[in-house]
Amino acid sequence: MDGIYWSNRWYNHSISGTGQDKMTPEMVITIGRDAITTMLLVAAPMLLSGLIIGVTISLFQAVTQIHEMTLTFIPKIVIVAVSLLVFLPWMTNILLDFTRGLFGLIPTL
């Protein structure tokens, strides 16, 4: 999976000029930043689809003056489930690339 960039960044941070590879504060920050980025990438499709359908239903409720509290739940659940099914292969690849990068980093420590 060559589409993700962070395993190369970790590897470059872990190589020192003395021949001893060790965990540096910069490397920890880079791994933490990439973990947060991965979390946001994986959660974004479902969150954005829920946001879009929620705003759409809210506009519909405001225009028609139908203020039913339960009207938003079923469409949101359906749209989030559909987006999960559609984006699941992509999200799995993102998580696998991140995990492979972490596991590949273990021998260099």
Foldseek 3Di string as FASTA:
>chain_A
DPPDDLLVVLVVVQDDPVRAGDDDPVSVVSLVVLVVVLVCVLCVQLVVQLVVLVVVVVVVCVVVVDDDPCPSPPVSVVRSVVSCVVCVVVNVVSVVVSVVSVVVCVVSD
